[in-house]
Amino acid sequence: MVEVLVALAILAVALAAGFRSVAQSADSATALKARTLALWVAQNRLAAAQLEQPAPAVGERSGTDAQGGAAFSWRVAVSSTPNPAFRKIEINVADPSTPDYVLAHLVGYVAQSARR
């Protein structure tokens, strides 16, 4: 009888560890999906800035975007560079419910259009 109880206790501990591992895997997959979608939002913002003519003005702007059925908030900071022909763009993307926790950070450079 004692042996059966010990075996059941060992089985219970093993199953609990297995369930915890599965739960952590699911949480990791969810976090990875959110970071991937946030990076896509950042890449879309950078592409939009590269297509913008003339180049985006120096300053900050923010907004929201949806990707893969999830909502994200983004913040873009445009600054000048030592080379006046380029502007630096920093993009931060976060979940709107936790805007201080950045899911994706992307830095890019945009050429200003040549003046004729």
C-alpha atoms as a PDB file:
ATOM      1  CA  MET A   1       0.000   0.000   0.000  1.00  0.00           C
ATOM      2  CA  VAL A   2       2.822   2.426   0.877  1.00  0.00           C
ATOM      3  CA  GLU A   3       4.546   1.590  -2.408  1.00  0.00           C
ATOM      4  CA  VAL A   4       1.428   2.531  -4.366  1.00  0.00           C
ATOM      5  CA  LEU A   5       1.177   5.856  -2.515  1.00  0.00           C
ATOM      6  CA  VAL A   6       4.861   6.621  -3.219  1.00  0.00           C
ATOM      7  CA  ALA A   7       4.370   5.738  -6.893  1.00  0.00           C
ATOM      8  CA  LEU A   8       1.296   7.999  -7.082  1.00  0.00           C
ATOM      9  CA  ALA A   9       3.217  10.856  -5.421  1.00  0.00           C
ATOM     10  CA  ILE A  10       6.063  10.490  -7.924  1.00  0.00           C
ATOM     11  CA  LEU A  11       3.556  10.378 -10.796  1.00  0.00           C
ATOM     12  CA  ALA A  12       1.793  13.495  -9.471  1.00  0.00           C
ATOM     13  CA  VAL A  13       5.080  15.439  -9.290  1.00  0.00           C
ATOM     14  CA  ALA A  14       6.057  14.308 -12.797  1.00  0.00           C
ATOM     15  CA  LEU A  15       2.663  15.288 -14.244  1.00  0.00           C
ATOM     16  CA  ALA A  16       2.760  18.678 -12.518  1.00  0.00           C
ATOM     17  CA  ALA A  17       6.211  19.328 -13.988  1.00  0.00           C
ATOM     18  CA  GLY A  18       4.983  18.254 -17.419  1.00  0.00           C
ATOM     19  CA  PHE A  19       1.943  20.540 -17.269  1.00  0.00           C
ATOM     20  CA  ARG A  20       4.124  23.455 -16.152  1.00  0.00           C
ATOM     21  CA  SER A  21       6.476  22.843 -19.077  1.00  0.00           C
ATOM     22  CA  VAL A  22       3.572  22.818 -21.541  1.00  0.00           C
ATOM     23  CA  ALA A  23       2.170  26.029 -20.046  1.00  0.00           C
ATOM     24  CA  GLN A  24       5.558  27.762 -20.316  1.00  0.00           C
ATOM     25  CA  SER A  25       5.868  26.658 -23.936  1.00  0.00           C
ATOM     26  CA  ALA A  26       2.446  28.090 -24.709  1.00  0.00           C
ATOM     27  CA  ASP A  27       3.351  31.382 -23.003  1.00  0.00           C
ATOM     28  CA  SER A  28       6.617  31.545 -24.937  1.00  0.00           C
ATOM     29  CA  ALA A  29       4.830  30.933 -28.226  1.00  0.00           C
ATOM     30  CA  THR A  30       2.320  33.696 -27.444  1.00  0.00           C
ATOM     31  CA  ALA A  31       5.093  36.143 -26.545  1.00  0.00           C
ATOM     32  CA  LEU A  32       7.038  35.246 -29.694  1.00  0.00           C
ATOM     33  CA  LYS A  33       3.949  35.820 -31.821  1.00  0.00           C
ATOM     34  CA  ALA A  34       3.381  39.239 -30.225  1.00  0.00           C
ATOM     35  CA  ARG A  35       7.028  40.260 -30.789  1.00  0.00           C
ATOM     36  CA  THR A  36       6.931  39.074 -34.403  1.00  0.00           C
ATOM     37  CA  LEU A  37       3.732  41.002 -35.141  1.00  0.00           C
ATOM     38  CA  ALA A  38       5.160  44.084 -33.391  1.00  0.00           C
ATOM     39  CA  LEU A  39       8.300  43.885 -35.530  1.00  0.00           C
ATOM     40  CA  TRP A  40       6.122  43.751 -38.648  1.00  0.00           C
ATOM     41  CA  VAL A  41       4.328  46.904 -37.475  1.00  0.00           C
ATOM     42  CA  ALA A  42       7.700  48.616 -36.977  1.00  0.00           C
ATOM     43  CA  GLN A  43       8.895  47.521 -40.424  1.00  0.00           C
ATOM     44  CA  ASN A  44       5.678  48.837 -41.978  1.00  0.00           C
ATOM     45  CA  ARG A  45       6.162  52.212 -40.240  1.00  0.00           C
ATOM     46  CA  LEU A  46       9.768  52.398 -41.515  1.00  0.00           C
ATOM     47  CA  ALA A  47       8.655  51.522 -45.056  1.00  0.00           C
ATOM     48  CA  ALA A  48       5.961  54.210 -44.909  1.00  0.00           C
ATOM     49  CA  ALA A  49       8.569  56.746 -43.770  1.00  0.00           C
ATOM     50  CA  GLN A  50      10.882  55.734 -46.619  1.00  0.00           C
ATOM     51  CA  LEU A  51       8.080  56.261 -49.129  1.00  0.00           C
ATOM     52  CA  GLU A  52       7.094  59.617 -47.670  1.00  0.00           C
ATOM     53  CA  GLN A  53       8.196  62.538 -49.833  1.00  0.00           C
ATOM     54  CA  PRO A  54       9.617  64.804 -48.646  1.00  0.00           C
ATOM     55  CA  ALA A  55      11.315  62.913 -45.816  1.00  0.00           C
ATOM     56  CA  PRO A  56       9.453  62.992 -42.498  1.00  0.00           C
ATOM     57  CA  ALA A  57       9.945  66.106 -40.399  1.00  0.00           C
ATOM     58  CA  VAL A  58      12.122  65.971 -37.292  1.00  0.00           C
ATOM     59  CA  GLY A  59       9.990  65.220 -34.230  1.00  0.00           C
ATOM     60  CA  GLU A  60       7.851  62.527 -32.650  1.00  0.00           C
ATOM     61  CA  ARG A  61       4.567  61.016 -33.661  1.00  0.00           C
ATOM     62  CA  SER A  62       2.536  58.081 -32.438  1.00  0.00           C
ATOM     63  CA  GLY A  63      -0.452  56.013 -33.399  1.00  0.00           C
ATOM     64  CA  THR A  64      -1.999  52.590 -33.404  1.00  0.00           C
ATOM     65  CA  ASP A  65      -1.941  49.793 -35.925  1.00  0.00           C
ATOM     66  CA  ALA A  66      -3.376  46.294 -36.234  1.00  0.00           C
ATOM     67  CA  GLN A  67      -1.414  43.288 -37.384  1.00  0.00           C
ATOM     68  CA  GLY A  68      -2.577  39.686 -37.379  1.00  0.00           C
ATOM     69  CA  GLY A  69      -5.748  40.595 -35.515  1.00  0.00           C
ATOM     70  CA  ALA A  70      -3.834  42.247 -32.654  1.00  0.00           C
ATOM     71  CA  ALA A  71      -3.677  45.962 -31.842  1.00  0.00           C
ATOM     72  CA  PHE A  72      -0.353  47.710 -31.289  1.00  0.00           C
ATOM     73  CA  SER A  73       0.661  51.242 -30.400  1.00  0.00           C
ATOM     74  CA  TRP A  74       3.739  52.727 -32.051  1.00  0.00           C
ATOM     75  CA  ARG A  75       5.951  55.732 -31.413  1.00  0.00           C
ATOM     76  CA  VAL A  76       8.247  57.161 -34.094  1.00  0.00           C
ATOM     77  CA  ALA A  77      11.076  59.586 -33.308  1.00  0.00           C
ATOM     78  CA  VAL A  78      12.684  61.297 -36.309  1.00  0.00           C
ATOM     79  CA  SER A  79      15.985  63.083 -35.717  1.00  0.00           C
ATOM     80  CA  SER A  80      18.632  64.713 -37.845  1.00  0.00           C
ATOM     81  CA  THR A  81      22.018  63.105 -38.491  1.00  0.00           C
ATOM     82  CA  PRO A  82      25.484  64.593 -39.005  1.00  0.00           C
ATOM     83  CA  ASN A  83      24.892  64.088 -42.749  1.00  0.00           C
ATOM     84  CA  PRO A  84      22.104  66.516 -43.693  1.00  0.00           C
ATOM     85  CA  ALA A  85      20.997  64.227 -46.534  1.00  0.00           C
ATOM     86  CA  PHE A  86      19.671  61.625 -44.066  1.00  0.00           C
ATOM     87  CA  ARG A  87      17.304  61.409 -41.125  1.00  0.00           C
ATOM     88  CA  LYS A  88      17.355  58.809 -38.362  1.00  0.00           C
ATOM     89  CA  ILE A  89      14.081  57.086 -37.510  1.00  0.00           C
ATOM     90  CA  GLU A  90      13.561  55.147 -34.267  1.00  0.00           C
ATOM     91  CA  ILE A  91      10.384  53.117 -33.957  1.00  0.00           C
ATOM     92  CA  ASN A  92       9.050  51.538 -30.759  1.00  0.00           C
ATOM     93  CA  VAL A  93       6.031  49.238 -30.831  1.00  0.00           C
ATOM     94  CA  ALA A  94       4.119  48.102 -27.748  1.00  0.00           C
ATOM     95  CA  ASP A  95       0.864  46.532 -26.676  1.00  0.00           C
ATOM     96  CA  PRO A  96      -1.661  49.352 -26.038  1.00  0.00           C
ATOM     97  CA  SER A  97      -2.449  47.925 -22.586  1.00  0.00           C
ATOM     98  CA  THR A  98       1.234  48.185 -21.549  1.00  0.00           C
ATOM     99  CA  PRO A  99       2.705  51.048 -23.605  1.00  0.00           C
ATOM    100  CA  ASP A 100       5.934  51.231 -21.573  1.00  0.00           C
ATOM    101  CA  TYR A 101       6.882  47.620 -22.380  1.00  0.00           C
ATOM    102  CA  VAL A 102       8.422  47.773 -25.864  1.00  0.00           C
ATOM    103  CA  LEU A 103       7.870  44.635 -27.933  1.00  0.00           C
ATOM    104  CA  ALA A 104       9.903  45.808 -30.935  1.00  0.00           C
ATOM    105  CA  HIS A 105      12.509  48.538 -31.456  1.00  0.00           C
ATOM    106  CA  LEU A 106      13.695  49.369 -34.962  1.00  0.00           C
ATOM    107  CA  VAL A 107      16.163  52.019 -36.145  1.00  0.00           C
ATOM    108  CA  GLY A 108      16.453  53.087 -39.773  1.00  0.00           C
ATOM    109  CA  TYR A 109      17.662  55.929 -41.926  1.00  0.00           C
ATOM    110  CA  VAL A 110      15.796  57.793 -44.637  1.00  0.00           C
ATOM    111  CA  ALA A 111      17.333  59.845 -47.413  1.00  0.00           C
ATOM    112  CA  GLN A 112      15.866  63.261 -47.930  1.00  0.00           C
ATOM    113  CA  SER A 113      14.723  63.947 -51.458  1.00  0.00           C
ATOM    114  CA  ALA A 114      17.123  65.894 -53.648  1.00  0.00           C
ATOM    115  CA  ARG A 115      16.035  69.488 -54.177  1.00  0.00           C
ATOM    116  CA  ARG A 116      15.867  70.648 -57.733  1.00  0.00           C
END
